[in-house]
Each structure stands twice: as C-alpha cells, then as structure tokens.
Amino acid sequence: MSVRVRRVYDPPEPADGVRVLVDRLWPRGLSKDAARVDAWPKALTPSTELRRWYHAGEGSYEEFAQRYEAELAAPEAVESLDRLRESAHQGDMTLLTASKTPDRSHATVLAGLLGS
C-alpha cells in the first residue's frame, strides 16, 4: 500500500492506483474524462473559510495543518476518512489536488493521516 500526492493536472499513471480528488472545487479547465477521478470525498476537503485563510497568507503551513486536522474530527469527515483509509490499505492510492504546491497542501496532511 502506498498513498501519494500529485497534481490533478498531471497525466494519470498506471502506478496511481485509486485516484481521489481531495479539493472542494472541481479543477478549472479539466474535463472529468481527462482527470480520471475514482472518488471525490468532499467531506474530507478543507472548509472554504480555512482554505481562504491559508491562501491569504495569514498563517503558517503548520497552523493550517493543525486546523485542517481539527476539521477532520467532525463526524462526517471521520466516517469518510475511515472509508478512504480502508481503500488505501487495499492497494495504491493517489490523492489529487490542483494546488501548485501539493507538498504544502491539505493533500499532504491527508496522506499522512491515511498512512497511519
């Protein structure tokens, strides 16, 4: 089992396994056929308020990660995270984000939680 993070705009690869979009909004200019997304669990996406706060540069990545993990403690998110974790333990999974810096995004935080 491996969980990795990639940009949704990168072409799909055979090693991707299950492709999961973890952004709240559909990526601009990308068709659903081209994205080849297998799942889109919106309950696991950061809230609009948190996303705007982080992109406005008001806080550090570490603080963003803490706030995002706190949001993932909500019952709907916990249930969705458990389902995704089960799927990740069955084979390879790629978390997809439109973020230009996926290694400093919510997708990386989520990948860390899925690996534990």
Protein backbone atom coordinates (compact mmCIF):
# COMPACT_ATOMS: atom_id res chain seq x y z
CA MET A 1 0.00 0.00 0.00
CA SER A 2 1.19 3.46 -0.81
CA VAL A 3 -0.50 6.83 -0.67
CA ARG A 4 0.98 9.58 -2.75
CA VAL A 5 0.02 13.13 -3.66
CA ARG A 6 0.02 14.50 -7.20
CA ARG A 7 -1.39 17.45 -9.08
CA VAL A 8 -4.66 16.61 -10.78
CA TYR A 9 -3.36 18.29 -13.93
CA ASP A 10 -0.54 15.74 -14.28
CA PRO A 11 -1.38 12.90 -16.67
CA PRO A 12 -2.65 9.72 -15.00
CA GLU A 13 -0.07 6.98 -14.49
CA PRO A 14 -0.56 3.22 -14.08
CA ALA A 15 1.05 3.42 -10.59
CA ASP A 16 -1.66 5.85 -9.39
CA GLY A 17 -4.00 3.11 -8.20
CA VAL A 18 -7.23 4.64 -6.92
CA ARG A 19 -7.34 8.33 -7.87
CA VAL A 20 -9.05 10.52 -5.26
CA LEU A 21 -9.72 14.22 -5.77
CA VAL A 22 -9.38 15.96 -2.40
CA ASP A 23 -10.25 19.52 -3.44
CA ARG A 24 -13.64 21.08 -2.67
CA LEU A 25 -13.91 22.64 -6.13
CA TRP A 26 -13.52 20.88 -9.47
CA PRO A 27 -10.21 21.91 -11.11
CA ARG A 28 -10.56 24.63 -13.74
CA GLY A 29 -10.21 23.64 -17.36
CA LEU A 30 -10.05 19.90 -16.70
CA SER A 31 -12.65 17.51 -18.05
CA LYS A 32 -13.85 14.62 -15.93
CA ASP A 33 -12.63 12.17 -18.59
CA ALA A 34 -9.11 13.64 -18.56
CA ALA A 35 -8.95 13.68 -14.75
CA ARG A 36 -9.89 10.01 -14.37
CA VAL A 37 -11.02 10.52 -10.78
CA ASP A 38 -12.33 7.43 -8.96
CA ALA A 39 -13.62 9.23 -5.85
CA TRP A 40 -14.31 12.77 -4.66
CA PRO A 41 -14.99 12.73 -0.89
CA LYS A 42 -15.98 16.35 -0.29
CA ALA A 43 -16.32 15.72 3.46
CA LEU A 44 -12.51 15.49 3.58
CA THR A 45 -11.83 18.83 1.93
CA PRO A 46 -10.85 21.90 3.97
CA SER A 47 -13.67 24.31 4.68
CA THR A 48 -13.97 27.36 2.48
CA GLU A 49 -13.03 29.55 5.43
CA LEU A 50 -9.85 27.58 6.17
CA ARG A 51 -8.88 27.43 2.52
CA ARG A 52 -9.29 31.21 2.13
CA TRP A 53 -7.41 31.88 5.37
CA TYR A 54 -4.44 29.79 4.25
CA HIS A 55 -4.32 31.17 0.71
CA ALA A 56 -4.44 34.73 2.05
CA GLY A 57 -1.10 34.03 3.74
CA GLU A 58 -2.40 34.74 7.22
CA GLY A 59 -0.81 31.73 8.85
CA SER A 60 1.88 29.09 8.56
CA TYR A 61 1.52 25.72 6.90
CA GLU A 62 1.91 24.08 10.32
CA GLU A 63 -1.03 26.06 11.72
CA PHE A 64 -3.07 25.28 8.62
CA ALA A 65 -2.33 21.56 9.07
CA GLN A 66 -3.47 21.69 12.71
CA ARG A 67 -6.69 23.48 11.82
CA TYR A 68 -7.36 21.06 8.96
CA GLU A 69 -6.84 18.05 11.22
CA ALA A 70 -9.30 19.61 13.69
CA GLU A 71 -11.87 19.88 10.89
CA LEU A 72 -11.30 16.22 10.08
CA ALA A 73 -12.51 15.34 13.59
CA ALA A 74 -16.11 16.16 12.56
CA PRO A 75 -18.31 13.02 12.43
CA GLU A 76 -18.93 13.14 8.67
CA ALA A 77 -15.22 13.59 7.99
CA VAL A 78 -14.25 10.77 10.38
CA GLU A 79 -16.59 8.37 8.58
CA SER A 80 -15.27 9.41 5.17
CA LEU A 81 -11.66 9.20 6.36
CA ASP A 82 -12.23 5.67 7.67
CA ARG A 83 -13.65 4.57 4.29
CA LEU A 84 -10.72 6.12 2.46
CA ARG A 85 -8.24 4.52 4.87
CA GLU A 86 -9.80 1.10 4.19
CA SER A 87 -9.44 1.66 0.47
CA ALA A 88 -5.83 2.78 0.88
CA HIS A 89 -4.98 -0.41 2.77
CA GLN A 90 -6.23 -2.47 -0.17
CA GLY A 91 -3.79 -1.01 -2.70
CA ASP A 92 -2.12 2.07 -4.08
CA MET A 93 -3.88 5.42 -3.86
CA THR A 94 -3.14 8.85 -5.27
CA LEU A 95 -4.60 11.97 -3.69
CA LEU A 96 -5.16 14.62 -6.34
CA THR A 97 -5.11 18.37 -5.82
CA ALA A 98 -4.99 21.42 -8.06
CA SER A 99 -2.60 23.09 -5.61
CA LYS A 100 0.57 24.42 -7.22
CA THR A 101 2.48 23.26 -4.13
CA PRO A 102 0.98 19.87 -3.30
CA ASP A 103 3.68 19.16 -0.71
CA ARG A 104 2.39 22.12 1.35
CA SER A 105 -1.28 21.44 0.90
CA HIS A 106 -4.10 19.68 2.68
CA ALA A 107 -3.48 16.64 0.45
CA THR A 108 -0.14 16.01 2.16
CA VAL A 109 -1.78 16.29 5.59
CA LEU A 110 -4.44 13.83 4.49
CA ALA A 111 -1.84 11.42 3.04
CA GLY A 112 -0.09 11.41 6.41
CA LEU A 113 -3.31 10.52 8.19
CA LEU A 114 -4.07 7.73 5.74
CA GLY A 115 -0.66 6.21 6.22
CA SER A 116 -1.13 5.93 9.97
